[in-house]
Structures are given as structure tokens and as C-alpha cells.
Full PDB file with SEQRES, HELIX, SHEET, SSBOND, CRYST1, ORIGX, SCALE, CONECT and MASTER records, all heavy atoms in Angstrom:
SEQRES   1 A   36  ASP ARG GLN ARG PHE ASP ALA ASP SER GLY LEU ASP TRP          
SEQRES   2 A   36  ASP GLU ILE PHE SER ALA SER GLN THR LEU SER LEU PHE          
SEQRES   3 A   36  SER GLN ARG GLN ILE ILE GLU LEU HIS LEU                      
HELIX    1 AA1 TRP A   13  GLN A   21  1                                   9    
SHEET    1 AA1 2 ARG A   2  ASP A   6  0                                        
SHEET    2 AA1 2 ILE A  31  HIS A  35  1                                        
CRYST1    1.000    1.000    1.000  90.00  90.00  90.00 P 1           1          
ORIGX1      1.000000  0.000000  0.000000        0.00000                         
ORIGX2      0.000000  1.000000  0.000000        0.00000                         
ORIGX3      0.000000  0.000000  1.000000        0.00000                         
SCALE1      1.000000  0.000000  0.000000        0.00000                         
SCALE2      0.000000  1.000000  0.000000        0.00000                         
SCALE3      0.000000  0.000000  1.000000        0.00000                         
ATOM      1  N   ASP A   1       6.143 -10.267  11.633  1.00  0.00           N  
ATOM      2  CA  ASP A   1       5.513 -10.083  10.329  1.00  0.00           C  
ATOM      3  C   ASP A   1       6.152 -11.047   9.335  1.00  0.00           C  
ATOM      4  O   ASP A   1       7.373 -11.194   9.284  1.00  0.00           O  
ATOM      5  CB  ASP A   1       5.695  -8.635   9.861  1.00  0.00           C  
ATOM      6  CG  ASP A   1       4.910  -8.353   8.592  1.00  0.00           C  
ATOM      7  OD1 ASP A   1       3.730  -8.720   8.529  1.00  0.00           O  
ATOM      8  OD2 ASP A   1       5.508  -7.802   7.646  1.00  0.00           O  
ATOM      9  N   ARG A   2       5.309 -11.719   8.526  1.00  0.00           N  
ATOM     10  CA  ARG A   2       5.832 -12.681   7.550  1.00  0.00           C  
ATOM     11  C   ARG A   2       5.105 -12.512   6.217  1.00  0.00           C  
ATOM     12  O   ARG A   2       3.883 -12.457   6.169  1.00  0.00           O  
ATOM     13  CB  ARG A   2       5.640 -14.118   8.057  1.00  0.00           C  
ATOM     14  CG  ARG A   2       6.112 -15.186   7.101  1.00  0.00           C  
ATOM     15  CD  ARG A   2       6.238 -16.538   7.817  1.00  0.00           C  
ATOM     16  NE  ARG A   2       4.976 -17.067   8.243  1.00  0.00           N  
ATOM     17  CZ  ARG A   2       4.255 -17.946   7.548  1.00  0.00           C  
ATOM     18  NH1 ARG A   2       4.682 -18.373   6.379  1.00  0.00           N  
ATOM     19  NH2 ARG A   2       3.109 -18.400   8.014  1.00  0.00           N  
ATOM     20  N   GLN A   3       5.898 -12.440   5.143  1.00  0.00           N  
ATOM     21  CA  GLN A   3       5.348 -12.363   3.801  1.00  0.00           C  
ATOM     22  C   GLN A   3       5.984 -13.448   2.931  1.00  0.00           C  
ATOM     23  O   GLN A   3       7.187 -13.714   3.039  1.00  0.00           O  
ATOM     24  CB  GLN A   3       5.600 -10.992   3.183  1.00  0.00           C  
ATOM     25  CG  GLN A   3       4.963  -9.841   3.950  1.00  0.00           C  
ATOM     26  CD  GLN A   3       5.049  -8.531   3.185  1.00  0.00           C  
ATOM     27  OE1 GLN A   3       4.579  -8.410   2.061  1.00  0.00           O  
ATOM     28  NE2 GLN A   3       5.666  -7.533   3.809  1.00  0.00           N  
ATOM     29  N   ARG A   4       5.166 -14.054   2.051  1.00  0.00           N  
ATOM     30  CA  ARG A   4       5.658 -15.157   1.223  1.00  0.00           C  
ATOM     31  C   ARG A   4       5.502 -14.808  -0.250  1.00  0.00           C  
ATOM     32  O   ARG A   4       4.487 -14.259  -0.673  1.00  0.00           O  
ATOM     33  CB  ARG A   4       4.865 -16.432   1.536  1.00  0.00           C  
ATOM     34  CG  ARG A   4       5.385 -17.671   0.813  1.00  0.00           C  
ATOM     35  CD  ARG A   4       4.494 -18.875   1.100  1.00  0.00           C  
ATOM     36  NE  ARG A   4       5.043 -20.112   0.584  1.00  0.00           N  
ATOM     37  CZ  ARG A   4       4.986 -20.492  -0.704  1.00  0.00           C  
ATOM     38  NH1 ARG A   4       4.379 -19.718  -1.586  1.00  0.00           N  
ATOM     39  NH2 ARG A   4       5.518 -21.640  -1.098  1.00  0.00           N  
ATOM     40  N   PHE A   5       6.519 -15.176  -1.044  1.00  0.00           N  
ATOM     41  CA  PHE A   5       6.513 -14.930  -2.492  1.00  0.00           C  
ATOM     42  C   PHE A   5       6.996 -16.182  -3.219  1.00  0.00           C  
ATOM     43  O   PHE A   5       7.813 -16.942  -2.710  1.00  0.00           O  
ATOM     44  CB  PHE A   5       7.441 -13.760  -2.854  1.00  0.00           C  
ATOM     45  CG  PHE A   5       7.085 -12.455  -2.202  1.00  0.00           C  
ATOM     46  CD1 PHE A   5       7.620 -12.120  -0.959  1.00  0.00           C  
ATOM     47  CD2 PHE A   5       6.227 -11.570  -2.818  1.00  0.00           C  
ATOM     48  CE1 PHE A   5       7.313 -10.923  -0.345  1.00  0.00           C  
ATOM     49  CE2 PHE A   5       5.908 -10.367  -2.217  1.00  0.00           C  
ATOM     50  CZ  PHE A   5       6.453 -10.031  -0.982  1.00  0.00           C  
ATOM     51  N   ASP A   6       6.480 -16.378  -4.425  1.00  0.00           N  
ATOM     52  CA  ASP A   6       6.928 -17.461  -5.302  1.00  0.00           C  
ATOM     53  C   ASP A   6       7.692 -16.852  -6.464  1.00  0.00           C  
ATOM     54  O   ASP A   6       7.168 -16.006  -7.182  1.00  0.00           O  
ATOM     55  CB  ASP A   6       5.736 -18.264  -5.836  1.00  0.00           C  
ATOM     56  CG  ASP A   6       5.081 -19.096  -4.751  1.00  0.00           C  
ATOM     57  OD1 ASP A   6       5.795 -19.895  -4.117  1.00  0.00           O  
ATOM     58  OD2 ASP A   6       3.861 -18.955  -4.517  1.00  0.00           O  
ATOM     59  N   ALA A   7       8.923 -17.299  -6.664  1.00  0.00           N  
ATOM     60  CA  ALA A   7       9.786 -16.713  -7.700  1.00  0.00           C  
ATOM     61  C   ALA A   7       9.538 -17.348  -9.053  1.00  0.00           C  
ATOM     62  O   ALA A   7      10.441 -17.847  -9.720  1.00  0.00           O  
ATOM     63  CB  ALA A   7      11.257 -16.862  -7.304  1.00  0.00           C  
ATOM     64  N   ASP A   8       8.279 -17.348  -9.488  1.00  0.00           N  
ATOM     65  CA  ASP A   8       7.950 -17.863 -10.816  1.00  0.00           C  
ATOM     66  C   ASP A   8       8.026 -16.719 -11.827  1.00  0.00           C  
ATOM     67  O   ASP A   8       8.432 -15.607 -11.505  1.00  0.00           O  
ATOM     68  CB  ASP A   8       6.570 -18.526 -10.830  1.00  0.00           C  
ATOM     69  CG  ASP A   8       5.482 -17.602 -10.273  1.00  0.00           C  
ATOM     70  OD1 ASP A   8       5.669 -16.358 -10.318  1.00  0.00           O  
ATOM     71  OD2 ASP A   8       4.463 -18.098  -9.788  1.00  0.00           O  
ATOM     72  N   SER A   9       7.597 -16.998 -13.051  1.00  0.00           N  
ATOM     73  CA  SER A   9       7.728 -15.993 -14.105  1.00  0.00           C  
ATOM     74  C   SER A   9       6.857 -14.760 -13.866  1.00  0.00           C  
ATOM     75  O   SER A   9       7.113 -13.694 -14.404  1.00  0.00           O  
ATOM     76  CB  SER A   9       7.371 -16.621 -15.458  1.00  0.00           C  
ATOM     77  OG  SER A   9       6.051 -17.140 -15.435  1.00  0.00           O  
ATOM     78  N   GLY A  10       5.809 -14.917 -13.026  1.00  0.00           N  
ATOM     79  CA  GLY A  10       4.918 -13.787 -12.783  1.00  0.00           C  
ATOM     80  C   GLY A  10       5.277 -12.948 -11.567  1.00  0.00           C  
ATOM     81  O   GLY A  10       4.547 -12.009 -11.220  1.00  0.00           O  
ATOM     82  N   LEU A  11       6.402 -13.227 -10.951  1.00  0.00           N  
ATOM     83  CA  LEU A  11       6.762 -12.508  -9.738  1.00  0.00           C  
ATOM     84  C   LEU A  11       7.217 -11.079 -10.043  1.00  0.00           C  
ATOM     85  O   LEU A  11       8.006 -10.850 -10.949  1.00  0.00           O  
ATOM     86  CB  LEU A  11       7.898 -13.244  -9.011  1.00  0.00           C  
ATOM     87  CG  LEU A  11       8.466 -12.534  -7.776  1.00  0.00           C  
ATOM     88  CD1 LEU A  11       7.421 -12.415  -6.686  1.00  0.00           C  
ATOM     89  CD2 LEU A  11       9.699 -13.259  -7.264  1.00  0.00           C  
ATOM     90  N   ASP A  12       6.681 -10.146  -9.282  1.00  0.00           N  
ATOM     91  CA  ASP A  12       7.122  -8.750  -9.355  1.00  0.00           C  
ATOM     92  C   ASP A  12       8.224  -8.565  -8.300  1.00  0.00           C  
ATOM     93  O   ASP A  12       7.963  -8.407  -7.117  1.00  0.00           O  
ATOM     94  CB  ASP A  12       5.943  -7.805  -9.074  1.00  0.00           C  
ATOM     95  CG  ASP A  12       6.345  -6.333  -9.195  1.00  0.00           C  
ATOM     96  OD1 ASP A  12       7.543  -6.048  -9.384  1.00  0.00           O  
ATOM     97  OD2 ASP A  12       5.455  -5.475  -9.094  1.00  0.00           O  
ATOM     98  N   TRP A  13       9.466  -8.619  -8.745  1.00  0.00           N  
ATOM     99  CA  TRP A  13      10.589  -8.524  -7.808  1.00  0.00           C  
ATOM    100  C   TRP A  13      10.608  -7.188  -7.086  1.00  0.00           C  
ATOM    101  O   TRP A  13      11.070  -7.105  -5.935  1.00  0.00           O  
ATOM    102  CB  TRP A  13      11.903  -8.757  -8.554  1.00  0.00           C  
ATOM    103  CG  TRP A  13      12.154 -10.201  -8.847  1.00  0.00           C  
ATOM    104  CD1 TRP A  13      11.763 -10.893  -9.949  1.00  0.00           C  
ATOM    105  CD2 TRP A  13      12.833 -11.143  -8.003  1.00  0.00           C  
ATOM    106  NE1 TRP A  13      12.160 -12.207  -9.856  1.00  0.00           N  
ATOM    107  CE2 TRP A  13      12.828 -12.386  -8.673  1.00  0.00           C  
ATOM    108  CE3 TRP A  13      13.446 -11.047  -6.746  1.00  0.00           C  
ATOM    109  CZ2 TRP A  13      13.409 -13.526  -8.126  1.00  0.00           C  
ATOM    110  CZ3 TRP A  13      14.034 -12.183  -6.203  1.00  0.00           C  
ATOM    111  CH2 TRP A  13      14.006 -13.415  -6.895  1.00  0.00           C  
ATOM    112  N   ASP A  14      10.132  -6.146  -7.722  1.00  0.00           N  
ATOM    113  CA  ASP A  14      10.105  -4.838  -7.057  1.00  0.00           C  
ATOM    114  C   ASP A  14       9.241  -4.891  -5.793  1.00  0.00           C  
ATOM    115  O   ASP A  14       9.505  -4.185  -4.824  1.00  0.00           O  
ATOM    116  CB  ASP A  14       9.577  -3.773  -8.008  1.00  0.00           C  
ATOM    117  CG  ASP A  14      10.586  -3.448  -9.112  1.00  0.00           C  
ATOM    118  OD1 ASP A  14      11.789  -3.697  -8.891  1.00  0.00           O  
ATOM    119  OD2 ASP A  14      10.170  -2.962 -10.178  1.00  0.00           O  
ATOM    120  N   GLU A  15       8.207  -5.740  -5.823  1.00  0.00           N  
ATOM    121  CA  GLU A  15       7.342  -5.888  -4.647  1.00  0.00           C  
ATOM    122  C   GLU A  15       8.118  -6.476  -3.469  1.00  0.00           C  
ATOM    123  O   GLU A  15       7.930  -6.073  -2.315  1.00  0.00           O  
ATOM    124  CB  GLU A  15       6.154  -6.783  -4.991  1.00  0.00           C  
ATOM    125  CG  GLU A  15       5.125  -6.894  -3.883  1.00  0.00           C  
ATOM    126  CD  GLU A  15       3.928  -7.757  -4.266  1.00  0.00           C  
ATOM    127  OE1 GLU A  15       3.860  -8.166  -5.452  1.00  0.00           O  
ATOM    128  OE2 GLU A  15       3.104  -8.040  -3.392  1.00  0.00           O  
ATOM    129  N   ILE A  16       9.005  -7.427  -3.761  1.00  0.00           N  
ATOM    130  CA  ILE A  16       9.829  -8.015  -2.698  1.00  0.00           C  
ATOM    131  C   ILE A  16      10.793  -6.971  -2.142  1.00  0.00           C  
ATOM    132  O   ILE A  16      10.967  -6.824  -0.936  1.00  0.00           O  
ATOM    133  CB  ILE A  16      10.626  -9.221  -3.222  1.00  0.00           C  
ATOM    134  CG1 ILE A  16       9.704 -10.332  -3.679  1.00  0.00           C  
ATOM    135  CG2 ILE A  16      11.563  -9.755  -2.134  1.00  0.00           C  
ATOM    136  CD1 ILE A  16      10.422 -11.565  -4.157  1.00  0.00           C  
ATOM    137  N   PHE A  17      11.423  -6.204  -3.045  1.00  0.00           N  
ATOM    138  CA  PHE A  17      12.370  -5.180  -2.588  1.00  0.00           C  
ATOM    139  C   PHE A  17      11.668  -4.129  -1.735  1.00  0.00           C  
ATOM    140  O   PHE A  17      12.206  -3.662  -0.735  1.00  0.00           O  
ATOM    141  CB  PHE A  17      13.053  -4.530  -3.790  1.00  0.00           C  
ATOM    142  CG  PHE A  17      14.179  -5.345  -4.359  1.00  0.00           C  
ATOM    143  CD1 PHE A  17      13.920  -6.313  -5.315  1.00  0.00           C  
ATOM    144  CD2 PHE A  17      15.484  -5.169  -3.931  1.00  0.00           C  
ATOM    145  CE1 PHE A  17      14.942  -7.082  -5.852  1.00  0.00           C  
ATOM    146  CE2 PHE A  17      16.507  -5.940  -4.446  1.00  0.00           C  
ATOM    147  CZ  PHE A  17      16.248  -6.903  -5.417  1.00  0.00           C  
ATOM    148  N   SER A  18      10.462  -3.784  -2.125  1.00  0.00           N  
ATOM    149  CA  SER A  18       9.697  -2.813  -1.349  1.00  0.00           C  
ATOM    150  C   SER A  18       9.369  -3.376   0.039  1.00  0.00           C  
ATOM    151  O   SER A  18       9.510  -2.693   1.053  1.00  0.00           O  
ATOM    152  CB  SER A  18       8.413  -2.469  -2.097  1.00  0.00           C  
ATOM    153  OG  SER A  18       7.610  -1.603  -1.326  1.00  0.00           O  
ATOM    154  N   ALA A  19       8.960  -4.670   0.054  1.00  0.00           N  
ATOM    155  CA  ALA A  19       8.631  -5.295   1.331  1.00  0.00           C  
ATOM    156  C   ALA A  19       9.844  -5.391   2.237  1.00  0.00           C  
ATOM    157  O   ALA A  19       9.749  -5.231   3.457  1.00  0.00           O  
ATOM    158  CB  ALA A  19       8.039  -6.685   1.093  1.00  0.00           C  
ATOM    159  N   SER A  20      11.022  -5.639   1.637  1.00  0.00           N  
ATOM    160  CA  SER A  20      12.227  -5.821   2.447  1.00  0.00           C  
ATOM    161  C   SER A  20      12.661  -4.523   3.135  1.00  0.00           C  
ATOM    162  O   SER A  20      13.410  -4.571   4.110  1.00  0.00           O  
ATOM    163  CB  SER A  20      13.375  -6.340   1.563  1.00  0.00           C  
ATOM    164  OG  SER A  20      13.818  -5.339   0.660  1.00  0.00           O  
ATOM    165  N   GLN A  21      12.194  -3.386   2.629  1.00  0.00           N  
ATOM    166  CA  GLN A  21      12.596  -2.109   3.195  1.00  0.00           C  
ATOM    167  C   GLN A  21      11.478  -1.425   3.982  1.00  0.00           C  
ATOM    168  O   GLN A  21      11.660  -0.322   4.507  1.00  0.00           O  
ATOM    169  CB  GLN A  21      13.052  -1.159   2.074  1.00  0.00           C  
ATOM    170  CG  GLN A  21      14.246  -1.681   1.287  1.00  0.00           C  
ATOM    171  CD  GLN A  21      15.466  -1.894   2.140  1.00  0.00           C  
ATOM    172  OE1 GLN A  21      15.767  -1.096   3.015  1.00  0.00           O  
ATOM    173  NE2 GLN A  21      16.168  -3.001   1.928  1.00  0.00           N  
ATOM    174  N   THR A  22      10.313  -2.095   4.059  1.00  0.00           N  
ATOM    175  CA  THR A  22       9.159  -1.480   4.694  1.00  0.00           C  
ATOM    176  C   THR A  22       8.791  -2.236   5.959  1.00  0.00           C  
ATOM    177  O   THR A  22       8.608  -3.455   5.928  1.00  0.00           O  
ATOM    178  CB  THR A  22       7.936  -1.482   3.750  1.00  0.00           C  
ATOM    179  OG1 THR A  22       8.301  -0.791   2.534  1.00  0.00           O  
ATOM    180  CG2 THR A  22       6.754  -0.777   4.399  1.00  0.00           C  
ATOM    181  N   LEU A  23       8.687  -1.554   7.076  1.00  0.00           N  
ATOM    182  CA  LEU A  23       8.268  -2.156   8.332  1.00  0.00           C  
ATOM    183  C   LEU A  23       6.784  -1.883   8.550  1.00  0.00           C  
ATOM    184  O   LEU A  23       6.299  -0.794   8.278  1.00  0.00           O  
ATOM    185  CB  LEU A  23       9.075  -1.592   9.493  1.00  0.00           C  
ATOM    186  CG  LEU A  23      10.594  -1.807   9.419  1.00  0.00           C  
ATOM    187  CD1 LEU A  23      11.276  -1.138  10.616  1.00  0.00           C  
ATOM    188  CD2 LEU A  23      10.918  -3.290   9.402  1.00  0.00           C  
ATOM    189  N   SER A  24       6.063  -2.896   9.035  1.00  0.00           N  
ATOM    190  CA  SER A  24       4.635  -2.709   9.273  1.00  0.00           C  
ATOM    191  C   SER A  24       4.417  -1.870  10.538  1.00  0.00           C  
ATOM    192  O   SER A  24       5.329  -1.665  11.337  1.00  0.00           O  
ATOM    193  CB  SER A  24       3.941  -4.057   9.435  1.00  0.00           C  
ATOM    194  OG  SER A  24       4.242  -4.614  10.706  1.00  0.00           O  
ATOM    195  N   LEU A  25       3.178  -1.427  10.718  1.00  0.00           N  
ATOM    196  CA  LEU A  25       2.839  -0.621  11.896  1.00  0.00           C  
ATOM    197  C   LEU A  25       2.884  -1.451  13.167  1.00  0.00           C  
ATOM    198  O   LEU A  25       3.023  -0.910  14.263  1.00  0.00           O  
ATOM    199  CB  LEU A  25       1.444  -0.014  11.718  1.00  0.00           C  
ATOM    200  CG  LEU A  25       1.293   1.006  10.586  1.00  0.00           C  
ATOM    201  CD1 LEU A  25      -0.162   1.423  10.460  1.00  0.00           C  
ATOM    202  CD2 LEU A  25       2.184   2.221  10.818  1.00  0.00           C  
ATOM    203  N   PHE A  26       2.752  -2.779  13.019  1.00  0.00           N  
ATOM    204  CA  PHE A  26       2.623  -3.638  14.191  1.00  0.00           C  
ATOM    205  C   PHE A  26       3.871  -4.466  14.476  1.00  0.00           C  
ATOM    206  O   PHE A  26       3.926  -5.193  15.442  1.00  0.00           O  
ATOM    207  CB  PHE A  26       1.424  -4.589  13.992  1.00  0.00           C  
ATOM    208  CG  PHE A  26       0.157  -3.858  13.644  1.00  0.00           C  
ATOM    209  CD1 PHE A  26      -0.284  -3.793  12.339  1.00  0.00           C  
ATOM    210  CD2 PHE A  26      -0.568  -3.204  14.635  1.00  0.00           C  
ATOM    211  CE1 PHE A  26      -1.439  -3.115  12.018  1.00  0.00           C  
ATOM    212  CE2 PHE A  26      -1.737  -2.525  14.321  1.00  0.00           C  
ATOM    213  CZ  PHE A  26      -2.175  -2.474  13.004  1.00  0.00           C  
ATOM    214  N   SER A  27       4.859  -4.375  13.624  1.00  0.00           N  
ATOM    215  CA  SER A  27       6.065  -5.173  13.823  1.00  0.00           C  
ATOM    216  C   SER A  27       7.283  -4.397  13.367  1.00  0.00           C  
ATOM    217  O   SER A  27       7.276  -3.724  12.360  1.00  0.00           O  
ATOM    218  CB  SER A  27       5.971  -6.488  13.020  1.00  0.00           C  
ATOM    219  OG  SER A  27       7.186  -7.198  13.090  1.00  0.00           O  
ATOM    220  N   GLN A  28       8.333  -4.515  14.157  1.00  0.00           N  
ATOM    221  CA  GLN A  28       9.592  -3.859  13.813  1.00  0.00           C  
ATOM    222  C   GLN A  28      10.545  -4.806  13.075  1.00  0.00           C  
ATOM    223  O   GLN A  28      11.577  -4.380  12.583  1.00  0.00           O  
ATOM    224  CB  GLN A  28      10.267  -3.344  15.080  1.00  0.00           C  
ATOM    225  CG  GLN A  28       9.487  -2.233  15.765  1.00  0.00           C  
ATOM    226  CD  GLN A  28       9.284  -1.020  14.869  1.00  0.00           C  
ATOM    227  OE1 GLN A  28      10.246  -0.510  14.296  1.00  0.00           O  
ATOM    228  NE2 GLN A  28       8.045  -0.581  14.721  1.00  0.00           N  
ATOM    229  N   ARG A  29      10.190  -6.078  13.020  1.00  0.00           N  
ATOM    230  CA  ARG A  29      11.051  -7.057  12.364  1.00  0.00           C  
ATOM    231  C   ARG A  29      10.165  -7.980  11.514  1.00  0.00           C  
ATOM    232  O   ARG A  29       9.048  -8.312  11.894  1.00  0.00           O  
ATOM    233  CB  ARG A  29      11.834  -7.889  13.397  1.00  0.00           C  
ATOM    234  CG  ARG A  29      12.443  -7.057  14.511  1.00  0.00           C  
ATOM    235  CD  ARG A  29      13.361  -7.876  15.390  1.00  0.00           C  
ATOM    236  NE  ARG A  29      14.709  -7.933  14.823  1.00  0.00           N  
ATOM    237  CZ  ARG A  29      15.721  -8.630  15.366  1.00  0.00           C  
ATOM    238  NH1 ARG A  29      15.492  -9.347  16.451  1.00  0.00           N  
ATOM    239  NH2 ARG A  29      16.915  -8.626  14.821  1.00  0.00           N  
ATOM    240  N   GLN A  30      10.686  -8.389  10.374  1.00  0.00           N  
ATOM    241  CA  GLN A  30       9.855  -9.185   9.472  1.00  0.00           C  
ATOM    242  C   GLN A  30      10.644 -10.302   8.801  1.00  0.00           C  
ATOM    243  O   GLN A  30      11.864 -10.260   8.667  1.00  0.00           O  
ATOM    244  CB  GLN A  30       9.231  -8.292   8.390  1.00  0.00           C  
ATOM    245  CG  GLN A  30      10.234  -7.674   7.437  1.00  0.00           C  
ATOM    246  CD  GLN A  30       9.555  -6.989   6.263  1.00  0.00           C  
ATOM    247  OE1 GLN A  30       8.507  -7.440   5.809  1.00  0.00           O  
ATOM    248  NE2 GLN A  30      10.152  -5.920   5.779  1.00  0.00           N  
ATOM    249  N   ILE A  31       9.855 -11.333   8.392  1.00  0.00           N  
ATOM    250  CA  ILE A  31      10.385 -12.465   7.649  1.00  0.00           C  
ATOM    251  C   ILE A  31       9.862 -12.375   6.224  1.00  0.00           C  
ATOM    252  O   ILE A  31       8.658 -12.164   6.008  1.00  0.00           O  
ATOM    253  CB  ILE A  31       9.920 -13.800   8.266  1.00  0.00           C  
ATOM    254  CG1 ILE A  31      10.324 -13.905   9.737  1.00  0.00           C  
ATOM    255  CG2 ILE A  31      10.475 -14.986   7.469  1.00  0.00           C  
ATOM    256  CD1 ILE A  31       9.647 -15.074  10.444  1.00  0.00           C  
ATOM    257  N   ILE A  32      10.748 -12.542   5.256  1.00  0.00           N  
ATOM    258  CA  ILE A  32      10.320 -12.699   3.870  1.00  0.00           C  
ATOM    259  C   ILE A  32      10.696 -14.112   3.429  1.00  0.00           C  
ATOM    260  O   ILE A  32      11.862 -14.506   3.507  1.00  0.00           O  
ATOM    261  CB  ILE A  32      10.976 -11.659   2.947  1.00  0.00           C  
ATOM    262  CG1 ILE A  32      10.392 -10.277   3.227  1.00  0.00           C  
ATOM    263  CG2 ILE A  32      10.799 -12.029   1.480  1.00  0.00           C  
ATOM    264  CD1 ILE A  32      10.906  -9.190   2.332  1.00  0.00           C  
ATOM    265  N   GLU A  33       9.670 -14.863   3.019  1.00  0.00           N  
ATOM    266  CA  GLU A  33       9.885 -16.216   2.530  1.00  0.00           C  
ATOM    267  C   GLU A  33       9.761 -16.212   1.011  1.00  0.00           C  
ATOM    268  O   GLU A  33       8.799 -15.676   0.457  1.00  0.00           O  
ATOM    269  CB  GLU A  33       8.883 -17.189   3.144  1.00  0.00           C  
ATOM    270  CG  GLU A  33       9.051 -17.333   4.647  1.00  0.00           C  
ATOM    271  CD  GLU A  33       8.125 -18.377   5.242  1.00  0.00           C  
ATOM    272  OE1 GLU A  33       7.459 -19.096   4.465  1.00  0.00           O  
ATOM    273  OE2 GLU A  33       8.058 -18.470   6.484  1.00  0.00           O  
ATOM    274  N   LEU A  34      10.725 -16.830   0.362  1.00  0.00           N  
ATOM    275  CA  LEU A  34      10.762 -16.851  -1.092  1.00  0.00           C  
ATOM    276  C   LEU A  34      10.954 -18.295  -1.557  1.00  0.00           C  
ATOM    277  O   LEU A  34      11.914 -18.959  -1.161  1.00  0.00           O  
ATOM    278  CB  LEU A  34      11.920 -15.986  -1.598  1.00  0.00           C  
ATOM    279  CG  LEU A  34      12.129 -15.915  -3.117  1.00  0.00           C  
ATOM    280  CD1 LEU A  34      10.910 -15.300  -3.808  1.00  0.00           C  
ATOM    281  CD2 LEU A  34      13.397 -15.116  -3.436  1.00  0.00           C  
ATOM    282  N   HIS A  35      10.019 -18.765  -2.382  1.00  0.00           N  
ATOM    283  CA  HIS A  35      10.082 -20.127  -2.893  1.00  0.00           C  
ATOM    284  C   HIS A  35      10.608 -20.107  -4.317  1.00  0.00           C  
ATOM    285  O   HIS A  35      10.019 -19.480  -5.204  1.00  0.00           O  
ATOM    286  CB  HIS A  35       8.707 -20.783  -2.846  1.00  0.00           C  
ATOM    287  CG  HIS A  35       8.703 -22.189  -3.373  1.00  0.00           C  
ATOM    288  ND1 HIS A  35       9.270 -23.240  -2.689  1.00  0.00           N  
ATOM    289  CD2 HIS A  35       8.218 -22.714  -4.518  1.00  0.00           C  
ATOM    290  CE1 HIS A  35       9.138 -24.348  -3.395  1.00  0.00           C  
ATOM    291  NE2 HIS A  35       8.517 -24.058  -4.515  1.00  0.00           N  
ATOM    292  N   LEU A  36      11.748 -20.796  -4.545  1.00  0.00           N  
ATOM    293  CA  LEU A  36      12.365 -20.804  -5.865  1.00  0.00           C  
ATOM    294  C   LEU A  36      11.807 -21.950  -6.712  1.00  0.00           C  
ATOM    295  O   LEU A  36      11.522 -23.029  -6.189  1.00  0.00           O  
ATOM    296  CB  LEU A  36      13.890 -20.952  -5.738  1.00  0.00           C  
ATOM    297  CG  LEU A  36      14.617 -19.901  -4.902  1.00  0.00           C  
ATOM    298  CD1 LEU A  36      16.119 -20.153  -4.947  1.00  0.00           C  
ATOM    299  CD2 LEU A  36      14.298 -18.499  -5.396  1.00  0.00           C  
TER     300      LEU A  36                                                      
MASTER        0    0    0    1    2    0    0    6  299    1    0    3          
END                                                                             
């Protein structure tokens, strides 16, 4: 599982924190990509 976020002024950081602690139904391991 892979999710991508852009750390611009409109980023909801809580969404990233939620994603980092949530596993999908189809994957037990996930990648979070963050562009600064």
C-alpha cells in the first residue's frame, strides 16, 4: 500500500498521522511518501 502527500500550506497533517497508524484491508505494510 502506498500513499503520497505534499507538505504544502494546504496539507492536513492529521491525515498523514491517521494514515501512518491505519492498515488497509488488503495490505499489512504500507509506504507513505511525503514531498517537502
